[in-house]
Amino acid sequence: MGKITGFLEISRELPPRRPIAERLKDWRELEGKLPEDKLQAQGARCMDCGIPFCHKGCPLGNIIPDWNDLVYRDRWREAIERLHSTNNFPEFTGRICPAPCEEACVLNINNDPVTIKQIEKQIIDHAFKAGWVVPVPPTRRTGKRVAVVGSGPAGLAAAAQLNRAGHTVEVLERADRIGGLLMYGIPDFKLEKWIVERRLQQMRDEGVVFRVNAHVGVNVSVDDLRRNFDAIVLAGGATWARDLPIPGRELNGIHFAMDFLPQQNKKVAGDEVRDQILATGKNVVILGGGDTGSDCLGTSNRHGAKHVYQFELLPKPPETRDGDGVAPWPYWPMILRSSSSHEEGVQRDWSVNTKAFSGDADGNVRKLHGVRLEWKKDASGRPQMVEIPGSDFEIECELVLLAMGFLGPERAGMLDDLGVRLDQRGNV
C-alpha cells in the first residue's frame, strides 16, 4: 500500500448528512461526498493487512485494497476498472449496501474501519462524471437467447454479464418500470432513480432488451419462454411478505411495507397514485426493526406523520461486539444499528409482541394491543419468548406498516408452472 502508516495517522471520516429539517422536506439523497483529497486520505488508511478479510465480508468479492490504494494514488481510472471487474453496479451498492466489508476490515478489530463504502461510491461517481462509463456491446453474438425474469439488482447483473458474453438477453419485469427494488421499494432519499435509469440506458445501448408489465405465469406463459429462449434465469426475488394473522388484521389502515413504499416511489416519479397510503398527521406503528422498517420510517416522517413507533419482536441487540452471543470479527454482528431515518424521529422499542388491533365503527384501525416479552433459553439452548405478566399495553394508531421480512419467492404462477423444486424454507 502507498501509505503504510496511514491507519496510524489518519482518522476515519465520513461526509456530513444533509440537516434533518432540510431533508425531511424533499426526497433527494441525503448522504454527502468527501472532497477528493480527503477521500484519498481515507484510502490511505487501508493498512496492507496480510489477509484482507474485506474480500470475505463482501458478497461480491470486491478487490477492495487495490482500489483503495489506487484512489490514494490519484489513479481513478484504474480504480474504476478494478471495481467494475467484480461489481456491475457500484453506484447502487455504494449507496444501499450495509457494508459487511467494513465489519470484516482488519482495522475494525481495534479501530474504526476503512470507509470502504464511501470510497466505492465516489469512485463510480467520479468515473461517470469523467465519461469513463460507456456502453461495451459484445463483439459477436452467440445466437443463444436468454430470458431473465426479474429486473432487480440480481437480474440486471445476470443480464449485463450474459449480454457481454454475446447472448441475446431479454429482461422481463412485472412492474411498469425496470429496476425491481431499486426502483420500487428503496426510497428515493437513499437511491435517486435517475441513477438507476442512467445504468439501464447503458445496458440498452449494449443490446439488452427490457419488457415491462410482463408477469411470467400471468400474462406471459412459461411455455412461451421455454419455446422462445435457450435458457431462463430466475431472479424474481423473495417477495412473499410475512403476515401477522391476529385479531383485527383485516382493519383498514394495516398494510404491508411493500404496498406502502412503492407508492411513494411512483409519486416521486410523477405518477398519479390513487388512494395513496399516507402517514400525514397519523400515529404510525411500524412492526419490524430491519431496513424495510427503517425505509417506512423515513417515508412516514417525510409525509408528516404525527408520531412514529417502531416495534421489534426480538430483544434489543447489544451496541458493540462485546455483547453475549454476538458474532466475533470478521463476521457480520447482530448489533444495534441506527439509520439516517432513525435520526429523524421515532420511538423504538424491543421485545414487543403485537396481540391484536382494534378499530372504530367504520372498520379503521385505531389501537394496537401488545405485550412485553422476556426471552429465555429452553433446555436445548434455543431462545424462547415468554410474555411478561401484567405488561399488556395499547397505543393509538391510524396506520400500521408490516415490515417483518419475507418468507421467500411467491410460488403461485411462474414457479408452480415451471415445476421447480423448493427447499424446506420455500426457496428455489
Protein backbone atom coordinates (compact mmCIF):
# COMPACT_ATOMS: atom_id res chain seq x y z
CA MET A 1 0.00 0.00 0.00
CA GLY A 2 1.14 3.53 -0.70
CA LYS A 3 0.77 4.79 2.88
CA ILE A 4 1.94 2.04 5.20
CA THR A 5 1.34 4.14 8.32
CA GLY A 6 -1.87 5.78 7.09
CA PHE A 7 -4.11 3.90 9.52
CA LEU A 8 -1.99 5.21 12.41
CA GLU A 9 -2.02 8.83 11.27
CA ILE A 10 -5.47 9.38 9.76
CA SER A 11 -8.84 9.02 11.47
CA ARG A 12 -11.98 7.68 9.81
CA GLU A 13 -14.04 10.46 8.30
CA LEU A 14 -17.42 10.45 6.56
CA PRO A 15 -19.19 13.36 4.87
CA PRO A 16 -21.98 15.05 6.83
CA ARG A 17 -25.58 14.25 6.04
CA ARG A 18 -27.95 17.00 5.00
CA PRO A 19 -29.64 18.66 8.00
CA ILE A 20 -32.75 16.82 9.19
CA ALA A 21 -35.04 19.82 8.90
CA GLU A 22 -33.94 20.28 5.29
CA ARG A 23 -34.05 16.70 4.08
CA LEU A 24 -37.50 15.98 5.54
CA LYS A 25 -38.91 18.47 3.04
CA ASP A 26 -37.86 16.54 -0.07
CA TRP A 27 -36.98 13.10 -1.44
CA ARG A 28 -33.43 13.81 -2.57
CA GLU A 29 -30.39 11.82 -1.50
CA LEU A 30 -29.25 12.78 1.98
CA GLU A 31 -25.69 11.46 2.03
CA GLY A 32 -22.92 13.88 1.01
CA LYS A 33 -19.46 13.44 -0.52
CA LEU A 34 -15.96 13.99 0.77
CA PRO A 35 -13.61 16.33 -1.11
CA GLU A 36 -11.36 14.11 -3.20
CA ASP A 37 -8.22 14.95 -1.22
CA LYS A 38 -9.96 13.80 1.96
CA LEU A 39 -11.24 10.68 0.25
CA GLN A 40 -7.71 9.87 -0.89
CA ALA A 41 -6.61 10.19 2.71
CA GLN A 42 -9.29 7.68 3.68
CA GLY A 43 -7.90 5.32 1.06
CA ALA A 44 -4.52 5.67 2.73
CA ARG A 45 -5.98 4.09 5.90
CA CYS A 46 -6.13 0.70 4.14
CA MET A 47 -3.41 -0.99 6.12
CA ASP A 48 -1.68 -3.54 3.87
CA CYS A 49 -3.00 -6.36 6.06
CA GLY A 50 -1.64 -9.80 5.34
CA ILE A 51 -5.05 -11.31 4.61
CA PRO A 52 -7.67 -8.73 3.53
CA PHE A 53 -10.79 -10.10 5.19
CA CYS A 54 -12.87 -7.40 3.48
CA HIS A 55 -12.83 -9.76 0.45
CA LYS A 56 -14.57 -12.36 2.60
CA GLY A 57 -17.03 -9.87 4.02
CA CYS A 58 -18.05 -8.59 0.58
CA PRO A 59 -20.61 -10.91 -1.08
CA LEU A 60 -19.20 -9.85 -4.47
CA GLY A 61 -15.58 -10.48 -3.56
CA ASN A 62 -14.60 -6.91 -4.43
CA ILE A 63 -10.82 -6.41 -4.62
CA ILE A 64 -11.10 -3.62 -2.07
CA PRO A 65 -7.47 -2.93 -1.05
CA ASP A 66 -6.50 -2.46 -4.70
CA TRP A 67 -8.96 0.30 -5.41
CA ASN A 68 -8.43 1.91 -2.02
CA ASP A 69 -4.75 2.21 -2.91
CA LEU A 70 -5.46 3.44 -6.45
CA VAL A 71 -7.67 6.22 -5.07
CA TYR A 72 -4.92 7.18 -2.63
CA ARG A 73 -2.50 7.37 -5.57
CA ASP A 74 -4.95 9.50 -7.61
CA ARG A 75 -5.31 6.77 -10.24
CA TRP A 76 -9.08 6.95 -10.56
CA ARG A 77 -9.46 5.29 -13.95
CA GLU A 78 -7.61 2.21 -12.80
CA ALA A 79 -9.70 2.25 -9.65
CA ILE A 80 -12.99 2.05 -11.56
CA GLU A 81 -11.60 -0.70 -13.79
CA ARG A 82 -10.70 -2.74 -10.72
CA LEU A 83 -14.07 -2.02 -9.10
CA HIS A 84 -16.05 -2.90 -12.23
CA SER A 85 -14.15 -6.17 -12.55
CA THR A 86 -16.23 -7.61 -9.69
CA ASN A 87 -19.21 -5.25 -9.37
CA ASN A 88 -21.58 -4.37 -12.19
CA PHE A 89 -23.32 -1.60 -10.28
CA PRO A 90 -21.12 0.11 -7.67
CA GLU A 91 -23.37 3.19 -7.80
CA PHE A 92 -26.09 1.03 -6.21
CA THR A 93 -24.01 -0.89 -3.68
CA GLY A 94 -22.10 2.26 -2.72
CA ARG A 95 -25.41 3.75 -1.60
CA ILE A 96 -27.55 0.94 -0.22
CA CYS A 97 -25.25 -1.93 0.77
CA PRO A 98 -24.94 -2.40 4.56
CA ALA A 99 -21.16 -2.72 4.07
CA PRO A 100 -20.27 -6.10 5.61
CA CYS A 101 -16.81 -5.42 4.16
CA GLU A 102 -16.29 -2.74 6.79
CA GLU A 103 -17.29 -5.10 9.59
CA ALA A 104 -14.68 -7.55 8.24
CA CYS A 105 -11.97 -4.89 7.86
CA VAL A 106 -8.85 -5.90 9.82
CA LEU A 107 -8.61 -2.35 11.15
CA ASN A 108 -12.05 -2.89 12.73
CA ILE A 109 -10.57 -5.27 15.29
CA ASN A 110 -9.46 -2.42 17.50
CA ASN A 111 -10.04 0.77 15.49
CA ASP A 112 -12.57 2.34 13.12
CA PRO A 113 -12.72 0.51 9.76
CA VAL A 114 -11.74 1.98 6.42
CA THR A 115 -14.55 3.97 4.76
CA ILE A 116 -14.87 1.35 2.02
CA LYS A 117 -18.48 2.09 1.08
CA GLN A 118 -17.86 5.83 0.69
CA ILE A 119 -14.76 5.25 -1.43
CA GLU A 120 -16.69 2.83 -3.65
CA LYS A 121 -19.50 5.34 -4.16
CA GLN A 122 -17.17 8.16 -5.06
CA ILE A 123 -15.09 6.05 -7.45
CA ILE A 124 -18.11 5.32 -9.62
CA ASP A 125 -19.47 8.87 -9.34
CA HIS A 126 -16.04 10.18 -10.43
CA ALA A 127 -15.99 7.71 -13.34
CA PHE A 128 -19.43 8.72 -14.62
CA LYS A 129 -18.52 12.40 -14.38
CA ALA A 130 -15.28 11.77 -16.29
CA GLY A 131 -17.14 9.92 -19.07
CA TRP A 132 -15.38 6.61 -18.50
CA VAL A 133 -18.55 4.53 -18.06
CA VAL A 134 -19.65 3.83 -21.63
CA PRO A 135 -21.55 1.05 -23.39
CA VAL A 136 -19.49 -2.06 -24.05
CA PRO A 137 -21.50 -4.11 -26.55
CA PRO A 138 -20.30 -7.63 -27.34
CA THR A 139 -18.07 -8.01 -30.37
CA ARG A 140 -20.03 -11.05 -31.56
CA ARG A 141 -23.33 -12.81 -30.84
CA THR A 142 -23.58 -16.48 -29.94
CA GLY A 143 -27.04 -16.97 -31.40
CA LYS A 144 -28.39 -18.03 -27.99
CA ARG A 145 -31.35 -16.25 -26.40
CA VAL A 146 -31.75 -15.89 -22.64
CA ALA A 147 -34.78 -14.69 -20.69
CA VAL A 148 -34.08 -13.08 -17.31
CA VAL A 149 -37.20 -12.97 -15.13
CA GLY A 150 -36.94 -10.10 -12.67
CA SER A 151 -35.14 -6.79 -13.04
CA GLY A 152 -33.77 -6.20 -9.57
CA PRO A 153 -30.01 -5.98 -8.99
CA ALA A 154 -29.52 -9.75 -9.40
CA GLY A 155 -31.49 -9.89 -12.64
CA LEU A 156 -29.77 -6.82 -14.04
CA ALA A 157 -26.31 -8.14 -13.16
CA ALA A 158 -27.09 -11.50 -14.78
CA ALA A 159 -28.42 -9.73 -17.87
CA ALA A 160 -25.35 -7.49 -18.15
CA GLN A 161 -22.94 -10.41 -17.87
CA LEU A 162 -24.83 -12.68 -20.26
CA ASN A 163 -25.18 -9.90 -22.82
CA ARG A 164 -21.47 -9.10 -22.73
CA ALA A 165 -20.78 -12.81 -23.27
CA GLY A 166 -22.60 -12.43 -26.58
CA HIS A 167 -26.02 -13.90 -25.81
CA THR A 168 -29.20 -12.05 -26.74
CA VAL A 169 -30.84 -11.14 -23.44
CA GLU A 170 -34.40 -10.09 -22.67
CA VAL A 171 -35.35 -8.99 -19.16
CA LEU A 172 -38.98 -9.43 -18.14
CA GLU A 173 -40.38 -7.31 -15.31
CA ARG A 174 -43.94 -7.49 -14.00
CA ALA A 175 -43.98 -3.86 -12.81
CA ASP A 176 -44.32 -0.86 -15.10
CA ARG A 177 -40.68 0.19 -14.66
CA ILE A 178 -37.41 -1.72 -14.75
CA GLY A 179 -35.36 -1.97 -11.57
CA GLY A 180 -37.14 -4.19 -9.05
CA LEU A 181 -36.49 -2.99 -5.51
CA LEU A 182 -34.03 -0.43 -6.85
CA MET A 183 -36.98 1.33 -8.48
CA TYR A 184 -39.93 0.33 -6.32
CA GLY A 185 -39.14 -0.20 -2.65
CA ILE A 186 -35.90 1.60 -1.81
CA PRO A 187 -36.84 5.24 -1.08
CA ASP A 188 -35.55 7.98 -3.34
CA PHE A 189 -33.77 9.62 -0.40
CA LYS A 190 -31.45 6.59 -0.33
CA LEU A 191 -31.22 5.99 -4.08
CA GLU A 192 -32.46 8.58 -6.55
CA LYS A 193 -33.97 6.86 -9.55
CA TRP A 194 -32.07 8.80 -12.22
CA ILE A 195 -29.05 6.84 -11.01
CA VAL A 196 -30.84 3.60 -11.86
CA GLU A 197 -32.06 4.95 -15.21
CA ARG A 198 -28.53 6.01 -16.13
CA ARG A 199 -27.27 2.44 -15.83
CA LEU A 200 -30.32 1.00 -17.59
CA GLN A 201 -29.64 3.23 -20.58
CA GLN A 202 -26.08 1.90 -20.78
CA MET A 203 -27.47 -1.65 -20.80
CA ARG A 204 -29.97 -0.77 -23.55
CA ASP A 205 -27.13 0.69 -25.60
CA GLU A 206 -25.26 -2.58 -25.14
CA GLY A 207 -28.20 -4.52 -26.56
CA VAL A 208 -30.19 -5.72 -23.53
CA VAL A 209 -33.94 -5.74 -24.21
CA PHE A 210 -36.32 -4.79 -21.38
CA ARG A 211 -40.02 -5.72 -21.20
CA VAL A 212 -42.24 -4.17 -18.53
CA ASN A 213 -45.72 -5.31 -17.47
CA ALA A 214 -44.54 -8.82 -18.31
CA HIS A 215 -45.72 -11.05 -15.45
CA VAL A 216 -44.47 -14.55 -16.11
CA GLY A 217 -47.11 -17.07 -15.13
CA VAL A 218 -49.87 -14.48 -15.50
CA ASN A 219 -49.77 -12.62 -18.83
CA VAL A 220 -46.60 -14.30 -20.14
CA SER A 221 -46.72 -18.08 -20.20
CA VAL A 222 -43.90 -20.33 -19.11
CA ASP A 223 -44.44 -22.36 -22.26
CA ASP A 224 -43.71 -19.27 -24.36
CA LEU A 225 -40.45 -18.71 -22.52
CA ARG A 226 -39.39 -22.32 -22.97
CA ARG A 227 -40.26 -22.18 -26.66
CA ASN A 228 -38.59 -18.85 -27.45
CA PHE A 229 -35.45 -18.92 -25.28
CA ASP A 230 -32.49 -21.25 -24.87
CA ALA A 231 -32.20 -20.52 -21.14
CA ILE A 232 -34.26 -18.89 -18.39
CA VAL A 233 -32.74 -17.09 -15.40
CA LEU A 234 -35.00 -16.81 -12.34
CA ALA A 235 -34.31 -13.55 -10.50
CA GLY A 236 -37.73 -12.72 -9.09
CA GLY A 237 -36.52 -12.17 -5.54
CA ALA A 238 -38.16 -13.02 -2.23
CA THR A 239 -41.41 -11.07 -2.40
CA TRP A 240 -43.68 -13.23 -0.24
CA ALA A 241 -44.13 -10.93 2.76
CA ARG A 242 -44.59 -12.29 6.27
CA ASP A 243 -48.10 -11.53 7.51
CA LEU A 244 -49.48 -11.12 11.03
CA PRO A 245 -52.64 -13.26 11.43
CA ILE A 246 -54.05 -11.80 14.63
CA PRO A 247 -57.47 -10.34 15.56
CA GLY A 248 -58.08 -7.05 13.77
CA ARG A 249 -55.66 -7.69 10.91
CA GLU A 250 -58.48 -7.05 8.42
CA LEU A 251 -58.99 -3.44 9.56
CA ASN A 252 -58.39 -0.58 7.15
CA GLY A 253 -55.04 1.13 7.65
CA ILE A 254 -52.94 -2.01 8.12
CA HIS A 255 -50.63 -2.53 5.15
CA PHE A 256 -47.57 -4.43 4.06
CA ALA A 257 -44.48 -2.23 3.78
CA MET A 258 -44.16 -3.18 0.12
CA ASP A 259 -47.63 -1.81 -0.58
CA PHE A 260 -46.65 1.48 1.08
CA LEU A 261 -43.12 2.16 -0.19
CA PRO A 262 -43.58 1.69 -3.98
CA GLN A 263 -46.49 4.13 -3.98
CA GLN A 264 -44.18 6.90 -2.84
CA ASN A 265 -41.60 5.93 -5.46
CA LYS A 266 -44.32 6.29 -8.09
CA LYS A 267 -45.37 9.64 -6.66
CA VAL A 268 -41.81 10.98 -6.80
CA ALA A 269 -41.56 9.72 -10.39
CA GLY A 270 -44.55 11.91 -11.29
CA ASP A 271 -47.23 9.23 -11.46
CA GLU A 272 -50.76 9.72 -10.26
CA VAL A 273 -51.28 7.39 -7.30
CA ARG A 274 -54.93 6.86 -6.47
CA ASP A 275 -55.80 6.20 -2.83
CA GLN A 276 -52.16 6.53 -1.81
CA ILE A 277 -51.32 5.23 1.65
CA LEU A 278 -50.22 8.32 3.55
CA ALA A 279 -48.86 8.81 7.06
CA THR A 280 -49.68 12.52 7.13
CA GLY A 281 -50.97 13.59 10.55
CA LYS A 282 -51.23 9.99 11.77
CA ASN A 283 -49.89 7.94 14.64
CA VAL A 284 -47.91 5.29 12.76
CA VAL A 285 -46.74 1.90 14.03
CA ILE A 286 -44.03 0.04 12.11
CA LEU A 287 -43.69 -3.63 13.01
CA GLY A 288 -40.19 -4.82 12.19
CA GLY A 289 -36.80 -3.38 13.02
CA GLY A 290 -34.86 -4.01 9.83
CA ASP A 291 -34.01 -1.95 6.75
CA THR A 292 -37.54 -2.14 5.34
CA GLY A 293 -38.93 -0.78 8.61
CA SER A 294 -36.33 1.98 8.51
CA ASP A 295 -37.44 2.90 4.98
CA CYS A 296 -41.05 3.05 6.16
CA LEU A 297 -39.91 5.34 8.96
CA GLY A 298 -38.10 7.81 6.71
CA THR A 299 -41.05 7.85 4.33
CA SER A 300 -43.59 8.39 7.14
CA ASN A 301 -41.61 11.30 8.55
CA ARG A 302 -41.46 12.91 5.11
CA HIS A 303 -45.21 12.52 4.84
CA GLY A 304 -45.55 14.48 8.06
CA ALA A 305 -46.60 11.73 10.48
CA LYS A 306 -47.79 12.87 13.89
CA HIS A 307 -45.79 10.22 15.75
CA VAL A 308 -43.98 7.06 14.67
CA TYR A 309 -43.40 3.93 16.74
CA GLN A 310 -41.18 1.07 15.62
CA PHE A 311 -41.57 -2.24 17.43
CA GLU A 312 -39.32 -5.29 17.19
CA LEU A 313 -40.23 -8.75 18.46
CA LEU A 314 -36.64 -9.65 19.32
CA PRO A 315 -34.71 -8.17 22.27
CA LYS A 316 -32.65 -5.03 21.88
CA PRO A 317 -29.27 -6.06 20.48
CA PRO A 318 -26.01 -5.01 22.14
CA GLU A 319 -24.33 -1.85 20.89
CA THR A 320 -20.93 -3.48 20.36
CA ARG A 321 -19.43 -6.86 19.54
CA ASP A 322 -18.65 -7.34 23.21
CA GLY A 323 -22.22 -8.41 23.88
CA ASP A 324 -23.10 -12.00 24.74
CA GLY A 325 -23.60 -14.22 21.70
CA VAL A 326 -22.54 -11.62 19.13
CA ALA A 327 -20.61 -12.97 16.16
CA PRO A 328 -16.89 -12.17 16.52
CA TRP A 329 -14.81 -10.33 13.95
CA PRO A 330 -14.74 -10.75 10.94
CA TYR A 331 -18.33 -11.98 10.83
CA TRP A 332 -21.40 -9.76 10.50
CA PRO A 333 -22.51 -8.95 14.05
CA MET A 334 -26.12 -8.59 15.17
CA ILE A 335 -25.65 -5.30 17.00
CA LEU A 336 -27.81 -2.22 17.41
CA ARG A 337 -27.84 -0.18 14.21
CA SER A 338 -29.41 3.21 13.66
CA SER A 339 -30.07 4.55 10.19
CA SER A 340 -30.46 8.09 8.92
CA SER A 341 -34.23 7.59 9.27
CA HIS A 342 -33.88 6.91 12.99
CA GLU A 343 -32.14 10.26 13.36
CA GLU A 344 -35.25 11.94 12.00
CA GLY A 345 -37.59 10.94 14.80
CA VAL A 346 -39.03 7.67 16.10
CA GLN A 347 -39.90 5.87 19.32
CA ARG A 348 -38.22 2.46 19.13
CA ASP A 349 -38.97 -0.48 21.37
CA TRP A 350 -37.90 -4.12 21.50
CA SER A 351 -39.27 -7.39 22.89
CA VAL A 352 -42.80 -6.36 21.97
CA ASN A 353 -45.41 -8.82 20.72
CA THR A 354 -48.47 -7.43 18.95
CA LYS A 355 -51.54 -9.36 20.10
CA ALA A 356 -54.42 -7.62 18.34
CA PHE A 357 -55.70 -4.49 16.62
CA SER A 358 -58.98 -2.75 17.32
CA GLY A 359 -60.83 -0.22 15.24
CA ASP A 360 -63.73 2.18 15.00
CA ALA A 361 -67.26 1.64 13.72
CA ASP A 362 -66.12 2.24 10.13
CA GLY A 363 -63.55 -0.53 10.22
CA ASN A 364 -60.46 1.67 10.54
CA VAL A 365 -57.61 0.67 12.82
CA ARG A 366 -57.43 2.81 15.95
CA LYS A 367 -55.40 0.85 18.52
CA LEU A 368 -52.61 -1.69 18.76
CA HIS A 369 -52.72 -4.10 21.70
CA GLY A 370 -49.38 -5.53 22.72
CA VAL A 371 -47.47 -7.26 25.48
CA ARG A 372 -43.85 -7.14 26.53
CA LEU A 373 -41.65 -10.20 26.27
CA GLU A 374 -38.83 -11.83 28.11
CA TRP A 375 -36.54 -14.08 26.11
CA LYS A 376 -35.36 -17.24 27.86
CA LYS A 377 -33.41 -20.25 26.65
CA ASP A 378 -35.05 -23.66 26.72
CA ALA A 379 -33.34 -26.92 27.62
CA SER A 380 -31.70 -27.11 24.21
CA GLY A 381 -30.37 -23.58 24.47
CA ARG A 382 -32.79 -22.10 21.92
CA PRO A 383 -34.27 -18.71 22.84
CA GLN A 384 -37.98 -18.72 23.56
CA MET A 385 -40.26 -15.73 24.10
CA VAL A 386 -42.27 -15.56 27.28
CA GLU A 387 -44.94 -12.92 27.87
CA ILE A 388 -44.38 -10.82 30.97
CA PRO A 389 -47.49 -10.95 33.16
CA GLY A 390 -49.19 -7.59 33.59
CA SER A 391 -47.19 -5.93 30.80
CA ASP A 392 -50.12 -5.58 28.40
CA PHE A 393 -50.44 -2.15 26.79
CA GLU A 394 -52.25 -0.37 24.00
CA ILE A 395 -51.38 2.62 21.86
CA GLU A 396 -53.40 4.73 19.49
CA CYS A 397 -52.61 4.37 15.81
CA GLU A 398 -54.20 5.15 12.46
CA LEU A 399 -51.61 3.45 10.24
CA VAL A 400 -49.78 0.16 10.77
CA LEU A 401 -46.99 -0.96 8.43
CA LEU A 402 -45.89 -4.60 8.43
CA ALA A 403 -42.16 -4.83 7.76
CA MET A 404 -41.43 -8.22 9.26
CA GLY A 405 -39.37 -9.72 6.49
CA PHE A 406 -40.07 -12.12 3.64
CA LEU A 407 -40.72 -15.86 3.55
CA GLY A 408 -39.26 -16.49 0.11
CA PRO A 409 -40.40 -16.27 -3.51
CA GLU A 410 -44.05 -16.23 -4.48
CA ARG A 411 -44.97 -19.72 -5.63
CA ALA A 412 -48.25 -19.22 -7.50
CA GLY A 413 -47.80 -18.66 -11.21
CA MET A 414 -44.29 -18.93 -12.58
CA LEU A 415 -42.71 -21.27 -10.03
CA ASP A 416 -45.69 -23.63 -9.96
CA ASP A 417 -45.83 -23.63 -13.76
CA LEU A 418 -42.12 -24.35 -14.05
CA GLY A 419 -42.35 -27.16 -11.53
CA VAL A 420 -39.13 -26.15 -9.80
CA ARG A 421 -38.11 -27.87 -6.58
CA LEU A 422 -38.20 -25.88 -3.35
CA ASP A 423 -36.15 -26.42 -0.23
CA GLN A 424 -37.62 -26.72 3.28
CA ARG A 425 -37.75 -22.93 3.59
CA GLY A 426 -39.59 -22.48 0.31
CA ASN A 427 -36.66 -21.24 -1.75
CA VAL A 428 -35.92 -22.49 -5.26
